[in-house]
């Protein structure tokens, strides 16, 4: 009886540890992917002088082509002057599907970021991004 109890305890702790490591790996992977998307969107927004129509289109296209449409970006800052702060929000909708059952539940979260505009008011890029 004692050996059986020790086996069950060892087996349970091994399964729990494996589950913990899997969840840690999944969280780390999603964090890295979000960081990658956020860095690329930050560059788009700062080089567009805010989240104008051209920058929004580029960010949405980036999400669709490289991140399976899991991320979206929003901001009220449009056409910001040179080196002024731009606040924006990255929203993630990460679907979790288990092949074991029909269970499907998305993980939804938002992060707020700030960058600075890298474009001058009368530059060629600023004018072309807003057309």
N, C-alpha and C. Protein backbone atom coordinates (compact mmCIF):
# COMPACT_ATOMS: atom_id res chain seq x y z
N UNK A 1 0.81 -1.19 0.00
CA UNK A 1 0.00 0.00 0.00
C UNK A 1 0.86 1.26 0.00
N UNK A 2 1.95 1.22 0.75
CA UNK A 2 2.83 2.37 0.86
C UNK A 2 3.50 2.68 -0.49
N UNK A 3 3.95 1.64 -1.22
CA UNK A 3 4.56 1.82 -2.53
C UNK A 3 3.55 2.38 -3.53
N UNK A 4 2.34 1.91 -3.46
CA UNK A 4 1.30 2.39 -4.36
C UNK A 4 1.04 3.88 -4.11
N UNK A 5 0.98 4.29 -2.88
CA UNK A 5 0.77 5.69 -2.53
C UNK A 5 1.93 6.56 -3.02
N UNK A 6 3.15 6.08 -2.86
CA UNK A 6 4.32 6.83 -3.32
C UNK A 6 4.32 6.95 -4.84
N UNK A 7 3.93 5.88 -5.54
CA UNK A 7 3.84 5.92 -7.00
C UNK A 7 2.81 6.95 -7.45
N UNK A 8 1.63 6.95 -6.85
CA UNK A 8 0.59 7.91 -7.21
C UNK A 8 1.05 9.33 -6.94
N UNK A 9 1.69 9.56 -5.82
CA UNK A 9 2.19 10.89 -5.47
C UNK A 9 3.26 11.35 -6.45
N UNK A 10 4.19 10.47 -6.82
CA UNK A 10 5.24 10.80 -7.78
C UNK A 10 4.65 11.08 -9.16
N UNK A 11 3.74 10.22 -9.58
CA UNK A 11 3.11 10.39 -10.88
C UNK A 11 2.34 11.71 -10.96
N UNK A 12 1.59 12.04 -9.94
CA UNK A 12 0.81 13.28 -9.90
C UNK A 12 1.72 14.49 -9.92
N UNK A 13 2.78 14.46 -9.13
CA UNK A 13 3.68 15.61 -9.10
C UNK A 13 4.42 15.77 -10.43
N UNK A 14 4.74 14.65 -11.08
CA UNK A 14 5.39 14.73 -12.40
C UNK A 14 4.46 15.34 -13.43
N UNK A 15 3.21 14.94 -13.44
CA UNK A 15 2.22 15.50 -14.37
C UNK A 15 2.02 16.99 -14.11
N UNK A 16 1.90 17.37 -12.85
CA UNK A 16 1.73 18.79 -12.51
C UNK A 16 2.95 19.61 -12.93
N UNK A 17 4.14 19.08 -12.75
CA UNK A 17 5.36 19.78 -13.15
C UNK A 17 5.42 19.93 -14.67
N UNK A 18 5.06 18.87 -15.39
CA UNK A 18 5.05 18.94 -16.85
C UNK A 18 4.02 19.97 -17.32
N UNK A 19 2.86 20.00 -16.70
CA UNK A 19 1.84 20.99 -17.05
C UNK A 19 2.31 22.40 -16.76
N UNK A 20 2.96 22.59 -15.62
CA UNK A 20 3.51 23.90 -15.27
C UNK A 20 4.55 24.35 -16.30
N UNK A 21 5.46 23.47 -16.69
CA UNK A 21 6.47 23.81 -17.67
C UNK A 21 5.86 24.13 -19.03
N UNK A 22 4.83 23.38 -19.43
CA UNK A 22 4.14 23.65 -20.68
C UNK A 22 3.49 25.03 -20.66
N UNK A 23 2.80 25.37 -19.58
CA UNK A 23 2.14 26.68 -19.47
C UNK A 23 3.17 27.80 -19.42
N UNK A 24 4.28 27.59 -18.73
CA UNK A 24 5.35 28.58 -18.70
C UNK A 24 5.92 28.80 -20.10
N UNK A 25 6.16 27.73 -20.84
CA UNK A 25 6.66 27.84 -22.20
C UNK A 25 5.68 28.55 -23.12
N UNK A 26 4.40 28.23 -23.00
CA UNK A 26 3.37 28.87 -23.81
C UNK A 26 3.29 30.36 -23.51
N UNK A 27 3.34 30.72 -22.24
CA UNK A 27 3.30 32.12 -21.85
C UNK A 27 4.53 32.86 -22.35
N UNK A 28 5.68 32.26 -22.24
CA UNK A 28 6.92 32.88 -22.73
C UNK A 28 6.87 33.08 -24.23
N UNK A 29 6.40 32.08 -24.96
CA UNK A 29 6.30 32.17 -26.41
C UNK A 29 5.37 33.30 -26.81
N UNK A 30 4.19 33.38 -26.20
CA UNK A 30 3.24 34.44 -26.54
C UNK A 30 3.78 35.82 -26.17
N UNK A 31 4.54 35.91 -25.10
CA UNK A 31 5.15 37.18 -24.70
C UNK A 31 6.18 37.63 -25.73
N UNK A 32 6.96 36.71 -26.23
CA UNK A 32 7.97 37.04 -27.25
C UNK A 32 7.29 37.49 -28.54
N UNK A 33 6.24 36.79 -28.94
CA UNK A 33 5.52 37.15 -30.17
C UNK A 33 4.89 38.53 -30.02
N UNK A 34 4.27 38.81 -28.87
CA UNK A 34 3.68 40.12 -28.63
C UNK A 34 4.74 41.21 -28.66
N UNK A 35 5.89 40.95 -28.07
CA UNK A 35 6.97 41.92 -28.06
C UNK A 35 7.45 42.21 -29.48
N UNK A 36 7.53 41.19 -30.30
CA UNK A 36 7.93 41.34 -31.70
C UNK A 36 6.92 42.22 -32.44
N UNK A 37 5.63 41.93 -32.29
CA UNK A 37 4.59 42.73 -32.95
C UNK A 37 4.64 44.17 -32.45
N UNK A 38 4.75 44.35 -31.14
CA UNK A 38 4.75 45.68 -30.55
C UNK A 38 5.92 46.51 -31.08
N UNK A 39 7.10 45.92 -31.21
CA UNK A 39 8.28 46.64 -31.70
C UNK A 39 8.07 47.08 -33.15
N UNK A 40 7.49 46.22 -33.97
CA UNK A 40 7.26 46.58 -35.36
C UNK A 40 6.19 47.66 -35.49
N UNK A 41 5.13 47.56 -34.69
CA UNK A 41 4.07 48.57 -34.72
C UNK A 41 4.58 49.90 -34.19
N UNK A 42 5.43 49.86 -33.18
CA UNK A 42 6.01 51.10 -32.65
C UNK A 42 6.80 51.83 -33.73
N UNK A 43 7.54 51.08 -34.51
CA UNK A 43 8.31 51.70 -35.60
C UNK A 43 7.37 52.29 -36.65
N UNK A 44 6.32 51.59 -37.00
CA UNK A 44 5.36 52.09 -37.97
C UNK A 44 4.72 53.38 -37.47
N UNK A 45 4.27 53.38 -36.21
CA UNK A 45 3.57 54.54 -35.65
C UNK A 45 4.52 55.73 -35.51
N UNK A 46 5.71 55.50 -35.00
CA UNK A 46 6.62 56.62 -34.80
C UNK A 46 7.08 57.21 -36.12
N UNK A 47 7.23 56.40 -37.15
CA UNK A 47 7.66 56.91 -38.45
C UNK A 47 6.51 57.45 -39.28
N UNK A 48 5.28 57.30 -38.79
CA UNK A 48 4.11 57.87 -39.47
C UNK A 48 3.60 59.11 -38.74
N UNK A 49 4.16 59.42 -37.59
CA UNK A 49 3.71 60.58 -36.83
C UNK A 49 2.40 60.34 -36.11
N UNK A 50 2.09 59.09 -35.81
CA UNK A 50 0.85 58.73 -35.12
C UNK A 50 0.16 57.60 -35.85
N UNK A 51 -0.97 57.19 -35.33
CA UNK A 51 -1.71 56.09 -35.96
C UNK A 51 -2.70 56.68 -36.95
N UNK A 52 -2.17 57.18 -38.06
CA UNK A 52 -3.04 57.70 -39.11
C UNK A 52 -3.52 56.54 -39.99
N UNK A 53 -4.24 56.88 -41.04
CA UNK A 53 -4.85 55.84 -41.87
C UNK A 53 -3.81 54.90 -42.49
N UNK A 54 -2.70 55.45 -42.98
CA UNK A 54 -1.65 54.62 -43.58
C UNK A 54 -0.99 53.70 -42.57
N UNK A 55 -0.71 54.23 -41.39
CA UNK A 55 -0.08 53.43 -40.35
C UNK A 55 -1.02 52.32 -39.86
N UNK A 56 -2.29 52.63 -39.71
CA UNK A 56 -3.27 51.63 -39.27
C UNK A 56 -3.36 50.50 -40.30
N UNK A 57 -3.38 50.86 -41.58
CA UNK A 57 -3.43 49.86 -42.64
C UNK A 57 -2.19 48.96 -42.61
N UNK A 58 -1.02 49.56 -42.41
CA UNK A 58 0.22 48.77 -42.34
C UNK A 58 0.23 47.86 -41.12
N UNK A 59 -0.23 48.35 -39.97
CA UNK A 59 -0.26 47.53 -38.74
C UNK A 59 -1.25 46.38 -38.88
N UNK A 60 -2.41 46.64 -39.48
CA UNK A 60 -3.39 45.57 -39.68
C UNK A 60 -2.88 44.53 -40.67
N UNK A 61 -2.20 44.99 -41.69
CA UNK A 61 -1.63 44.06 -42.68
C UNK A 61 -0.53 43.21 -42.04
N UNK A 62 0.30 43.82 -41.21
CA UNK A 62 1.34 43.09 -40.49
C UNK A 62 0.73 42.01 -39.61
N UNK A 63 -0.32 42.35 -38.88
CA UNK A 63 -0.99 41.39 -38.00
C UNK A 63 -1.57 40.23 -38.80
N UNK A 64 -2.19 40.55 -39.90
CA UNK A 64 -2.84 39.51 -40.71
C UNK A 64 -1.82 38.58 -41.37
N UNK A 65 -0.76 39.15 -41.93
CA UNK A 65 0.20 38.35 -42.69
C UNK A 65 1.16 37.56 -41.81
N UNK A 66 1.59 38.12 -40.67
CA UNK A 66 2.63 37.48 -39.89
C UNK A 66 2.19 36.95 -38.53
N UNK A 67 1.01 37.39 -38.06
CA UNK A 67 0.58 37.00 -36.71
C UNK A 67 -0.84 36.43 -36.71
N UNK A 68 -1.30 35.96 -37.84
CA UNK A 68 -2.61 35.31 -37.97
C UNK A 68 -3.76 36.19 -37.49
N UNK A 69 -3.59 37.50 -37.57
CA UNK A 69 -4.65 38.44 -37.19
C UNK A 69 -4.96 38.47 -35.70
N UNK A 70 -4.03 38.02 -34.87
CA UNK A 70 -4.28 37.95 -33.43
C UNK A 70 -4.17 39.31 -32.75
N UNK A 71 -3.48 40.27 -33.35
CA UNK A 71 -3.22 41.54 -32.69
C UNK A 71 -3.88 42.69 -33.45
N UNK A 72 -4.25 43.71 -32.70
CA UNK A 72 -4.75 44.95 -33.29
C UNK A 72 -4.20 46.12 -32.49
N UNK A 73 -4.16 47.28 -33.11
CA UNK A 73 -3.61 48.46 -32.47
C UNK A 73 -4.61 49.60 -32.58
N UNK A 74 -4.66 50.44 -31.54
CA UNK A 74 -5.55 51.60 -31.57
C UNK A 74 -4.86 52.77 -30.89
N UNK A 75 -5.22 53.97 -31.32
CA UNK A 75 -4.65 55.18 -30.75
C UNK A 75 -5.50 56.37 -31.16
N UNK A 76 -5.55 57.36 -30.31
CA UNK A 76 -6.22 58.62 -30.64
C UNK A 76 -5.24 59.65 -31.16
N UNK A 77 -3.95 59.34 -31.14
CA UNK A 77 -2.92 60.28 -31.58
C UNK A 77 -2.66 60.11 -33.06
N UNK A 78 -3.04 61.15 -33.83
CA UNK A 78 -2.86 61.15 -35.29
C UNK A 78 -2.13 62.44 -35.66
N UNK A 79 -1.14 62.33 -36.54
CA UNK A 79 -0.38 63.48 -37.04
C UNK A 79 0.24 64.29 -35.90
N UNK A 80 1.02 63.63 -35.08
CA UNK A 80 1.68 64.25 -33.93
C UNK A 80 2.97 64.92 -34.41
N UNK A 81 3.29 66.05 -33.83
CA UNK A 81 4.50 66.78 -34.19
C UNK A 81 5.77 66.02 -33.82
N UNK A 82 6.88 66.48 -34.36
CA UNK A 82 8.17 65.82 -34.17
C UNK A 82 8.53 65.70 -32.69
N UNK A 83 8.89 64.52 -32.28
CA UNK A 83 9.36 64.15 -30.94
C UNK A 83 8.31 64.35 -29.85
N UNK A 84 7.05 64.41 -30.22
CA UNK A 84 5.95 64.47 -29.25
C UNK A 84 5.53 63.04 -28.92
N UNK A 85 5.03 62.80 -27.71
CA UNK A 85 4.63 61.43 -27.34
C UNK A 85 3.38 60.96 -28.08
N UNK A 86 3.38 59.69 -28.41
CA UNK A 86 2.24 59.02 -29.04
C UNK A 86 1.86 57.84 -28.16
N UNK A 87 0.64 57.84 -27.66
CA UNK A 87 0.15 56.71 -26.86
C UNK A 87 -0.66 55.79 -27.75
N UNK A 88 -0.45 54.50 -27.59
CA UNK A 88 -1.21 53.53 -28.38
C UNK A 88 -1.42 52.26 -27.55
N UNK A 89 -2.41 51.49 -27.97
CA UNK A 89 -2.79 50.28 -27.26
C UNK A 89 -2.72 49.10 -28.22
N UNK A 90 -2.07 48.04 -27.79
CA UNK A 90 -2.03 46.79 -28.56
C UNK A 90 -2.96 45.80 -27.87
N UNK A 91 -3.92 45.29 -28.62
CA UNK A 91 -4.86 44.30 -28.10
C UNK A 91 -4.55 42.95 -28.72
N UNK A 92 -4.61 41.92 -27.91
CA UNK A 92 -4.34 40.56 -28.39
C UNK A 92 -5.58 39.70 -28.18
N UNK A 93 -5.88 38.89 -29.16
CA UNK A 93 -6.95 37.91 -29.08
C UNK A 93 -6.35 36.58 -29.52
N UNK A 94 -5.82 35.84 -28.55
CA UNK A 94 -5.10 34.60 -28.84
C UNK A 94 -6.03 33.42 -28.60
N UNK A 95 -6.39 32.69 -29.67
CA UNK A 95 -7.29 31.56 -29.49
C UNK A 95 -6.56 30.36 -28.89
N UNK A 96 -7.21 29.71 -27.95
CA UNK A 96 -6.70 28.48 -27.35
C UNK A 96 -7.66 27.36 -27.73
N UNK A 97 -7.18 26.42 -28.51
CA UNK A 97 -8.01 25.29 -28.93
C UNK A 97 -7.37 24.00 -28.45
N UNK A 98 -8.17 23.19 -27.82
CA UNK A 98 -7.70 21.88 -27.37
C UNK A 98 -8.22 20.82 -28.32
N UNK A 99 -7.35 19.97 -28.80
CA UNK A 99 -7.75 18.91 -29.71
C UNK A 99 -8.49 17.79 -29.00
N UNK A 100 -8.45 17.80 -27.69
CA UNK A 100 -9.09 16.75 -26.91
C UNK A 100 -10.62 16.88 -26.97
N UNK A 101 -11.09 18.12 -26.96
CA UNK A 101 -12.53 18.35 -26.96
C UNK A 101 -12.86 19.54 -27.85
N UNK A 102 -14.09 19.93 -27.85
CA UNK A 102 -14.55 21.08 -28.64
C UNK A 102 -14.30 22.39 -27.91
N UNK A 103 -13.64 22.35 -26.77
CA UNK A 103 -13.39 23.54 -25.97
C UNK A 103 -12.49 24.51 -26.72
N UNK A 104 -12.92 25.76 -26.82
CA UNK A 104 -12.13 26.81 -27.43
C UNK A 104 -12.38 28.09 -26.65
N UNK A 105 -11.31 28.70 -26.17
CA UNK A 105 -11.46 29.90 -25.37
C UNK A 105 -10.31 30.85 -25.69
N UNK A 106 -10.61 32.07 -26.18
CA UNK A 106 -9.53 32.99 -26.50
C UNK A 106 -8.99 33.69 -25.24
N UNK A 107 -7.73 34.01 -25.29
CA UNK A 107 -7.11 34.84 -24.26
C UNK A 107 -7.09 36.25 -24.81
N UNK A 108 -7.74 37.18 -24.12
CA UNK A 108 -7.85 38.55 -24.59
C UNK A 108 -7.18 39.47 -23.57
N UNK A 109 -6.27 40.30 -24.02
CA UNK A 109 -5.65 41.27 -23.13
C UNK A 109 -5.17 42.48 -23.93
N UNK A 110 -4.94 43.58 -23.25
CA UNK A 110 -4.45 44.80 -23.88
C UNK A 110 -3.25 45.33 -23.10
N UNK A 111 -2.34 45.93 -23.83
CA UNK A 111 -1.18 46.59 -23.23
C UNK A 111 -1.09 48.01 -23.79
N UNK A 112 -0.72 48.95 -22.95
CA UNK A 112 -0.60 50.35 -23.35
C UNK A 112 0.88 50.71 -23.48
N UNK A 113 1.21 51.43 -24.55
CA UNK A 113 2.59 51.80 -24.82
C UNK A 113 2.66 53.28 -25.20
N UNK A 114 3.87 53.83 -25.15
CA UNK A 114 4.11 55.20 -25.58
C UNK A 114 5.40 55.23 -26.38
N UNK A 115 5.39 55.98 -27.47
CA UNK A 115 6.58 56.19 -28.28
C UNK A 115 6.63 57.67 -28.65
N UNK A 116 7.64 58.07 -29.35
CA UNK A 116 7.77 59.46 -29.78
C UNK A 116 7.76 59.53 -31.29
N UNK A 117 7.14 60.58 -31.80
CA UNK A 117 7.05 60.78 -33.24
C UNK A 117 8.44 61.05 -33.81
N UNK A 118 8.77 60.37 -34.89
CA UNK A 118 10.07 60.53 -35.53
C UNK A 118 9.95 61.21 -36.88
N UNK A 119 8.87 61.89 -37.13
CA UNK A 119 8.66 62.49 -38.43
C UNK A 119 8.34 63.96 -38.29
N UNK A 120 8.90 64.74 -39.16
CA UNK A 120 8.69 66.18 -39.12
C UNK A 120 7.47 66.55 -39.93
N UNK A 121 6.83 67.64 -39.56
CA UNK A 121 5.55 68.05 -40.14
C UNK A 121 5.60 68.20 -41.66
N UNK A 122 6.64 68.77 -42.21
CA UNK A 122 6.68 69.05 -43.65
C UNK A 122 7.54 68.06 -44.43
N UNK A 123 7.80 66.91 -43.86
CA UNK A 123 8.63 65.94 -44.57
C UNK A 123 7.81 65.18 -45.60
N UNK A 124 8.50 64.56 -46.52
CA UNK A 124 7.85 63.83 -47.60
C UNK A 124 7.08 62.63 -47.05
N UNK A 125 7.65 61.89 -46.09
CA UNK A 125 6.98 60.71 -45.53
C UNK A 125 5.70 61.08 -44.81
N UNK A 126 5.73 62.18 -44.04
CA UNK A 126 4.55 62.60 -43.29
C UNK A 126 3.40 62.87 -44.26
N UNK A 127 3.69 63.59 -45.36
CA UNK A 127 2.65 63.93 -46.31
C UNK A 127 2.15 62.71 -47.08
N UNK A 128 3.05 61.76 -47.42
CA UNK A 128 2.62 60.59 -48.18
C UNK A 128 1.84 59.60 -47.32
N UNK A 129 2.12 59.53 -46.01
CA UNK A 129 1.41 58.60 -45.13
C UNK A 129 -0.03 59.07 -44.86
N UNK A 130 -0.29 60.35 -45.04
CA UNK A 130 -1.60 60.89 -44.71
C UNK A 130 -2.51 61.03 -45.92
N UNK A 131 -2.05 60.63 -47.06
CA UNK A 131 -2.90 60.73 -48.28
C UNK A 131 -3.78 59.53 -48.43
